[in-house]
């Protein structure tokens, strides 16, 4: 679990100390240092940091601090604070942003963070149609997968035409109507149709997504989707 805690924002030593506290209930700083193999002064510095993050509590017994682990849910506190702050400045940023005058708008997302941003945009829409879904996103963004599944359950309609290999991925956990392409018609590019947008996604070592916002193009691709849908099996 140390790796997961580091990915959540803790340092290596913070993760080690927090895990040791979770397993120990209540423990003194000196015993904790022996248990983790860390220098005593390092252990106390780490404990101070974790106390500030709400992940460690302590009581004083016989003049000594006895430490215990705080609730794991407190890991979410800085994320929520950051989200609240960003939410508060978005209206100001929108006032600054120049909206393109053209009727069509094209955006490009790259890398894992780009893939995550694109996915968050898709999840804002109640209706979603996906062609040639691979399920690779659940491997590339392993720790983001549960959120995709959770948000997907809130949608009015999700229809997916997937490749056969996706049956072994978490794509099958989505609250969606899924059909499958014949193997000879599969490829590595996934198409998303949502709102007035059409997106083309390729997931490699450096994912890339091209999004076109144009109502006419989106409606055209939706008609193509419906045609293909009729000829796909339910698996």
Protein backbone atom coordinates (compact mmCIF):
# COMPACT_ATOMS: atom_id res chain seq x y z
CA UNK A 1 0.00 0.00 0.00
CA UNK A 2 2.99 2.36 0.27
CA UNK A 3 2.96 3.00 -3.47
CA UNK A 4 -0.76 3.83 -3.42
CA UNK A 5 -0.27 6.25 -0.53
CA UNK A 6 2.60 7.95 -2.37
CA UNK A 7 0.34 8.36 -5.38
CA UNK A 8 -2.25 9.94 -3.09
CA UNK A 9 0.25 12.67 -2.17
CA UNK A 10 2.25 11.33 0.79
CA UNK A 11 6.03 11.07 0.79
CA UNK A 12 7.68 7.66 1.12
CA UNK A 13 8.39 8.15 4.83
CA UNK A 14 4.90 9.52 5.48
CA UNK A 15 3.37 6.47 3.83
CA UNK A 16 5.59 4.13 5.86
CA UNK A 17 4.76 5.81 9.18
CA UNK A 18 1.03 6.07 8.46
CA UNK A 19 0.79 2.38 7.55
CA UNK A 20 2.67 1.43 10.71
CA UNK A 21 0.23 3.50 12.78
CA UNK A 22 -2.77 1.89 11.11
CA UNK A 23 -1.41 -1.51 12.15
CA UNK A 24 -0.38 -0.48 15.67
CA UNK A 25 -3.38 1.37 17.10
CA UNK A 26 -1.59 3.49 19.76
CA UNK A 27 2.19 3.71 19.92
CA UNK A 28 4.98 5.99 21.16
CA UNK A 29 7.28 7.83 18.77
CA UNK A 30 10.35 5.85 19.82
CA UNK A 31 8.63 2.50 19.29
CA UNK A 32 7.30 3.73 15.97
CA UNK A 33 10.83 4.66 14.88
CA UNK A 34 12.03 1.13 15.67
CA UNK A 35 9.07 -0.39 13.87
CA UNK A 36 9.61 1.63 10.68
CA UNK A 37 13.41 1.55 10.77
CA UNK A 38 13.55 5.33 10.50
CA UNK A 39 15.77 7.63 12.51
CA UNK A 40 13.96 8.91 15.61
CA UNK A 41 14.23 12.59 14.62
CA UNK A 42 12.98 11.77 11.11
CA UNK A 43 10.05 9.87 12.59
CA UNK A 44 8.99 12.83 14.73
CA UNK A 45 9.28 15.23 11.77
CA UNK A 46 7.11 12.91 9.70
CA UNK A 47 4.57 12.66 12.54
CA UNK A 48 4.37 16.46 12.71
CA UNK A 49 3.65 16.58 8.97
CA UNK A 50 0.98 13.89 9.25
CA UNK A 51 -0.65 15.70 12.19
CA UNK A 52 -0.95 18.83 10.01
CA UNK A 53 -2.60 16.70 7.32
CA UNK A 54 -5.10 15.28 9.80
CA UNK A 55 -3.73 11.76 9.41
CA UNK A 56 -2.27 11.37 12.91
CA UNK A 57 -3.74 12.01 16.36
CA UNK A 58 -2.05 11.88 19.73
CA UNK A 59 -2.71 11.93 23.46
CA UNK A 60 -0.27 12.67 26.28
CA UNK A 61 0.25 9.93 28.85
CA UNK A 62 2.75 10.28 31.68
CA UNK A 63 4.30 13.22 29.86
CA UNK A 64 4.76 11.30 26.60
CA UNK A 65 2.93 11.63 23.30
CA UNK A 66 1.14 8.46 22.21
CA UNK A 67 0.24 8.47 18.52
CA UNK A 68 -2.57 6.86 16.54
CA UNK A 69 -3.68 6.93 12.92
CA UNK A 70 -6.33 9.40 11.78
CA UNK A 71 -9.18 8.42 9.48
CA UNK A 72 -8.04 7.38 5.96
CA UNK A 73 -10.85 9.59 4.62
CA UNK A 74 -8.75 12.58 5.68
CA UNK A 75 -6.52 11.88 2.67
CA UNK A 76 -9.29 13.53 0.65
CA UNK A 77 -9.17 16.81 2.59
CA UNK A 78 -6.43 18.57 0.56
CA UNK A 79 -8.01 17.32 -2.67
CA UNK A 80 -11.40 18.74 -1.68
CA UNK A 81 -9.82 22.02 -0.60
CA UNK A 82 -8.01 22.28 -3.93
CA UNK A 83 -11.20 21.40 -5.82
CA UNK A 84 -13.17 24.06 -3.91
CA UNK A 85 -10.51 26.66 -4.66
CA UNK A 86 -10.37 25.81 -8.37
CA UNK A 87 -14.18 25.84 -8.55
CA UNK A 88 -14.19 29.33 -7.06
CA UNK A 89 -11.81 30.75 -9.69
CA UNK A 90 -13.31 29.05 -12.77
CA UNK A 91 -15.96 31.79 -13.30
CA UNK A 92 -13.20 34.43 -13.26
CA UNK A 93 -11.13 32.46 -15.74
CA UNK A 94 -14.14 32.06 -18.04
CA UNK A 95 -14.62 35.82 -18.04
CA UNK A 96 -11.02 36.21 -19.20
CA UNK A 97 -11.17 33.44 -21.82
CA UNK A 98 -11.79 34.48 -25.41
CA UNK A 99 -14.41 32.21 -26.95
CA UNK A 100 -13.59 31.23 -30.57
CA UNK A 101 -15.89 32.88 -33.08
CA UNK A 102 -15.74 29.94 -35.45
CA UNK A 103 -18.71 27.56 -35.56
CA UNK A 104 -16.44 24.58 -35.03
CA UNK A 105 -13.84 24.20 -32.32
CA UNK A 106 -10.97 21.69 -32.22
CA UNK A 107 -9.06 20.68 -29.09
CA UNK A 108 -6.18 18.25 -28.62
CA UNK A 109 -5.41 16.41 -25.37
CA UNK A 110 -2.11 14.58 -24.85
CA UNK A 111 -0.60 12.34 -22.17
CA UNK A 112 -2.21 10.75 -19.13
CA UNK A 113 -3.26 14.08 -17.65
CA UNK A 114 -4.80 15.05 -20.98
CA UNK A 115 -6.65 11.72 -21.04
CA UNK A 116 -7.96 12.40 -17.54
CA UNK A 117 -9.11 15.94 -18.47
CA UNK A 118 -10.85 14.64 -21.58
CA UNK A 119 -12.60 11.90 -19.57
CA UNK A 120 -13.84 14.45 -17.02
CA UNK A 121 -15.30 16.51 -19.86
CA UNK A 122 -17.07 13.45 -21.29
CA UNK A 123 -18.53 12.59 -17.87
CA UNK A 124 -20.33 15.96 -17.77
CA UNK A 125 -22.80 14.74 -20.42
CA UNK A 126 -25.82 12.54 -19.73
CA UNK A 127 -25.75 10.75 -23.09
CA UNK A 128 -22.65 9.08 -24.48
CA UNK A 129 -21.97 6.87 -27.48
CA UNK A 130 -18.62 5.10 -27.87
CA UNK A 131 -17.43 3.22 -30.94
CA UNK A 132 -14.51 0.78 -30.86
CA UNK A 133 -14.08 0.93 -27.08
CA UNK A 134 -10.99 -0.95 -25.87
CA UNK A 135 -11.17 -0.59 -22.07
CA UNK A 136 -7.48 0.41 -22.02
CA UNK A 137 -8.25 3.54 -20.01
CA UNK A 138 -8.88 1.37 -16.93
CA UNK A 139 -5.27 0.18 -17.14
CA UNK A 140 -3.63 3.48 -18.07
CA UNK A 141 -5.60 5.42 -15.42
CA UNK A 142 -5.90 2.58 -12.92
CA UNK A 143 -6.75 4.73 -9.90
CA UNK A 144 -9.18 6.89 -11.90
CA UNK A 145 -11.24 3.90 -13.03
CA UNK A 146 -13.55 3.74 -9.98
CA UNK A 147 -14.59 7.36 -10.56
CA UNK A 148 -15.42 6.62 -14.20
CA UNK A 149 -17.61 3.69 -13.11
CA UNK A 150 -19.23 5.74 -10.33
CA UNK A 151 -20.01 8.73 -12.57
CA UNK A 152 -21.20 6.44 -15.36
CA UNK A 153 -23.99 5.13 -13.15
CA UNK A 154 -25.54 8.62 -13.09
CA UNK A 155 -25.89 8.89 -16.87
CA UNK A 156 -29.19 8.71 -18.74
CA UNK A 157 -27.79 6.64 -21.59
CA UNK A 158 -24.43 5.09 -22.38
CA UNK A 159 -24.18 2.87 -25.42
CA UNK A 160 -20.90 1.26 -26.31
CA UNK A 161 -19.71 -0.70 -29.32
CA UNK A 162 -16.59 -2.43 -28.05
CA UNK A 163 -13.88 -4.76 -29.30
CA UNK A 164 -13.85 -8.37 -28.09
CA UNK A 165 -10.69 -7.88 -25.99
CA UNK A 166 -12.51 -5.32 -23.82
CA UNK A 167 -14.50 -8.14 -22.21
CA UNK A 168 -11.51 -8.70 -19.91
CA UNK A 169 -11.44 -5.08 -18.67
CA UNK A 170 -13.41 -2.96 -16.20
CA UNK A 171 -15.36 -1.58 -19.16
CA UNK A 172 -17.82 -4.38 -18.41
CA UNK A 173 -18.54 -2.81 -15.01
CA UNK A 174 -20.02 0.32 -16.56
CA UNK A 175 -23.76 0.84 -16.35
CA UNK A 176 -24.02 0.74 -20.13
CA UNK A 177 -25.63 -1.10 -23.02
CA UNK A 178 -22.68 -2.81 -24.72
CA UNK A 179 -22.40 -4.58 -28.05
CA UNK A 180 -19.34 -5.99 -29.78
CA UNK A 181 -17.66 -5.53 -33.14
CA UNK A 182 -16.58 -8.52 -35.21
CA UNK A 183 -12.82 -9.02 -34.75
CA UNK A 184 -12.03 -8.18 -38.38
CA UNK A 185 -13.45 -4.65 -37.97
CA UNK A 186 -11.60 -3.56 -34.83
CA UNK A 187 -8.86 -0.92 -34.71
CA UNK A 188 -6.93 1.05 -32.10
CA UNK A 189 -8.86 4.34 -32.42
CA UNK A 190 -11.92 4.90 -30.23
CA UNK A 191 -14.65 7.36 -31.23
CA UNK A 192 -16.76 9.27 -28.68
CA UNK A 193 -20.00 11.07 -29.52
CA UNK A 194 -21.44 13.32 -26.81
CA UNK A 195 -23.33 16.60 -26.87
CA UNK A 196 -22.25 18.47 -29.99
CA UNK A 197 -18.81 16.86 -29.84
CA UNK A 198 -17.02 14.05 -31.63
CA UNK A 199 -13.69 12.79 -30.28
CA UNK A 200 -11.04 10.41 -31.59
CA UNK A 201 -8.89 8.73 -28.95
CA UNK A 202 -5.75 6.64 -29.32
CA UNK A 203 -4.24 5.15 -26.16
CA UNK A 204 -0.53 4.37 -26.47
CA UNK A 205 2.39 5.24 -24.17
CA UNK A 206 1.41 8.87 -24.78
CA UNK A 207 -2.39 8.98 -25.25
CA UNK A 208 -3.83 11.49 -27.71
CA UNK A 209 -7.38 12.71 -28.16
CA UNK A 210 -8.70 15.08 -30.82
CA UNK A 211 -12.07 16.68 -30.05
CA UNK A 212 -14.21 18.47 -32.63
CA UNK A 213 -17.16 20.53 -31.42
CA UNK A 214 -19.61 20.82 -34.29
CA UNK A 215 -23.29 19.89 -34.12
CA UNK A 216 -23.57 18.82 -37.77
CA UNK A 217 -20.56 16.50 -37.58
CA UNK A 218 -21.70 15.08 -34.24
CA UNK A 219 -25.19 14.30 -35.55
CA UNK A 220 -23.70 12.66 -38.63
CA UNK A 221 -21.49 10.37 -36.57
CA UNK A 222 -24.42 9.51 -34.33
CA UNK A 223 -26.35 8.26 -37.38
CA UNK A 224 -23.32 6.16 -38.36
CA UNK A 225 -23.21 4.78 -34.82
CA UNK A 226 -26.88 3.75 -35.00
CA UNK A 227 -26.26 1.91 -38.27
CA UNK A 228 -23.28 -0.01 -36.88
CA UNK A 229 -25.16 -0.69 -33.62
CA UNK A 230 -27.84 -2.65 -35.48
CA UNK A 231 -25.24 -5.02 -36.91
CA UNK A 232 -23.28 -5.73 -33.72
CA UNK A 233 -23.80 -8.65 -31.36
CA UNK A 234 -24.65 -8.38 -27.68
CA UNK A 235 -21.77 -10.69 -26.81
